[in-house]
């Protein structure tokens, strides 16, 4: 079992930056592939970014490429989402998710592929 707790959300002006953190409890964090998702009011949850167990592989939804960076520190059991050049369209509740992965390099893009979820953290970008 893994418990995930997000932090770092808040209110920021357009063009600003935030760094989200997701702390995982339990052991064997390095065996988990991780992802970030978001859900805006009235919209379905969407994939934002994914990182492999080792951290060597990452990928992003097109709308955040070049602005967001996902990373992880396996020694600290934490995954991060650095968000720069924020836009009002980035406003959403952001969730981190994790799943055990046999492959060190695999990425997962669907929410259905993840077993564990955090409670979410609100990000609001004002124009």
Protein backbone atom coordinates (compact mmCIF):
# COMPACT_ATOMS: atom_id res chain seq x y z
CA UNK A 1 0.00 0.00 0.00
CA UNK A 2 1.12 3.50 -0.81
CA UNK A 3 -0.36 6.74 0.43
CA UNK A 4 0.19 9.87 -1.62
CA UNK A 5 -0.06 13.41 -0.29
CA UNK A 6 0.17 16.42 -2.61
CA UNK A 7 1.20 19.90 -1.60
CA UNK A 8 2.29 23.14 -3.20
CA UNK A 9 -0.89 24.31 -4.85
CA UNK A 10 -2.18 27.86 -4.57
CA UNK A 11 -3.17 31.04 -6.34
CA UNK A 12 -0.76 32.52 -8.85
CA UNK A 13 -0.93 35.12 -11.58
CA UNK A 14 -0.65 34.16 -15.22
CA UNK A 15 2.99 33.75 -16.15
CA UNK A 16 3.95 32.68 -12.67
CA UNK A 17 5.31 29.39 -11.35
CA UNK A 18 4.41 26.75 -8.80
CA UNK A 19 6.05 23.51 -7.75
CA UNK A 20 3.80 20.69 -6.67
CA UNK A 21 5.13 17.90 -4.49
CA UNK A 22 3.72 14.45 -3.90
CA UNK A 23 5.09 12.58 -0.91
CA UNK A 24 4.65 8.83 -0.81
CA UNK A 25 4.51 6.75 2.32
CA UNK A 26 5.54 3.13 2.50
CA UNK A 27 8.51 1.35 1.09
CA UNK A 28 9.69 0.57 -2.42
CA UNK A 29 8.82 3.98 -3.89
CA UNK A 30 11.42 3.30 -6.55
CA UNK A 31 9.23 0.44 -7.82
CA UNK A 32 6.41 2.84 -8.69
CA UNK A 33 5.81 4.71 -11.89
CA UNK A 34 4.18 8.05 -11.14
CA UNK A 35 1.92 10.49 -12.90
CA UNK A 36 0.18 13.82 -12.50
CA UNK A 37 -3.40 14.41 -13.58
CA UNK A 38 -5.70 17.41 -13.30
CA UNK A 39 -9.41 18.09 -13.31
CA UNK A 40 -10.92 21.47 -14.02
CA UNK A 41 -14.48 22.35 -13.00
CA UNK A 42 -16.98 20.75 -15.35
CA UNK A 43 -14.29 18.82 -17.21
CA UNK A 44 -13.02 15.29 -17.15
CA UNK A 45 -9.77 14.39 -15.48
CA UNK A 46 -6.86 14.64 -17.88
CA UNK A 47 -3.32 13.32 -17.96
CA UNK A 48 -0.62 15.92 -17.42
CA UNK A 49 2.74 14.18 -17.00
CA UNK A 50 4.29 10.80 -16.30
CA UNK A 51 7.65 9.60 -15.03
CA UNK A 52 9.10 6.12 -15.00
CA UNK A 53 10.35 4.27 -11.95
CA UNK A 54 13.92 5.29 -12.59
CA UNK A 55 13.08 8.83 -13.61
CA UNK A 56 14.85 8.36 -16.91
CA UNK A 57 11.65 8.54 -18.98
CA UNK A 58 9.08 11.32 -18.89
CA UNK A 59 6.25 12.54 -21.06
CA UNK A 60 3.67 15.30 -21.06
CA UNK A 61 0.35 16.30 -22.53
CA UNK A 62 0.99 18.64 -25.44
CA UNK A 63 -0.57 21.64 -23.71
CA UNK A 64 2.12 21.70 -21.00
CA UNK A 65 5.20 20.64 -22.94
CA UNK A 66 7.98 23.16 -22.51
CA UNK A 67 6.30 24.66 -19.43
CA UNK A 68 5.98 21.79 -16.93
CA UNK A 69 8.68 19.41 -15.70
CA UNK A 70 8.06 16.20 -13.78
CA UNK A 71 10.86 14.80 -11.65
CA UNK A 72 11.35 12.47 -8.72
CA UNK A 73 13.68 11.93 -5.80
CA UNK A 74 13.51 8.27 -4.85
CA UNK A 75 15.59 8.87 -1.73
CA UNK A 76 12.90 11.26 -0.49
CA UNK A 77 9.93 9.24 -1.79
CA UNK A 78 8.72 12.34 -3.60
CA UNK A 79 7.64 13.27 -7.11
CA UNK A 80 7.48 16.88 -8.24
CA UNK A 81 5.73 18.90 -10.90
CA UNK A 82 7.44 22.19 -11.69
CA UNK A 83 4.97 24.44 -13.47
CA UNK A 84 6.23 27.57 -15.23
CA UNK A 85 4.53 30.13 -17.47
CA UNK A 86 1.20 29.23 -15.96
CA UNK A 87 -1.98 30.09 -17.82
CA UNK A 88 -5.57 30.47 -16.62
CA UNK A 89 -6.37 27.24 -18.50
CA UNK A 90 -4.05 25.41 -16.08
CA UNK A 91 -6.51 26.07 -13.26
CA UNK A 92 -7.57 22.72 -11.83
CA UNK A 93 -7.22 20.29 -8.97
CA UNK A 94 -3.98 18.43 -9.52
CA UNK A 95 -3.62 14.80 -8.47
CA UNK A 96 -0.61 12.58 -8.28
CA UNK A 97 -0.96 8.89 -8.95
CA UNK A 98 1.25 5.84 -8.66
CA UNK A 99 1.43 2.22 -9.69
CA UNK A 100 3.93 -0.56 -9.36
CA UNK A 101 5.85 -1.10 -12.56
CA UNK A 102 7.89 -4.14 -13.50
CA UNK A 103 9.68 -2.12 -16.14
CA UNK A 104 12.04 0.63 -15.06
CA UNK A 105 11.29 2.67 -18.16
CA UNK A 106 7.54 2.33 -18.66
CA UNK A 107 5.18 5.30 -18.63
CA UNK A 108 1.43 5.21 -18.03
CA UNK A 109 -1.05 7.71 -19.40
CA UNK A 110 -4.49 6.53 -18.37
CA UNK A 111 -5.96 7.07 -14.94
CA UNK A 112 -7.25 3.51 -15.03
CA UNK A 113 -3.67 2.25 -15.07
CA UNK A 114 -2.87 3.76 -11.68
CA UNK A 115 -3.64 2.08 -8.37
CA UNK A 116 -2.96 4.87 -5.89
CA UNK A 117 -4.10 8.49 -5.81
CA UNK A 118 -3.55 11.52 -3.67
CA UNK A 119 -6.29 13.79 -2.40
CA UNK A 120 -5.47 16.59 -4.83
CA UNK A 121 -4.20 20.13 -4.53
CA UNK A 122 -5.89 23.19 -6.03
CA UNK A 123 -4.03 25.34 -8.53
CA UNK A 124 -5.68 28.61 -9.53
CA UNK A 125 -4.14 30.86 -12.16
CA UNK A 126 -5.57 34.36 -12.41
CA UNK A 127 -5.45 36.40 -15.58
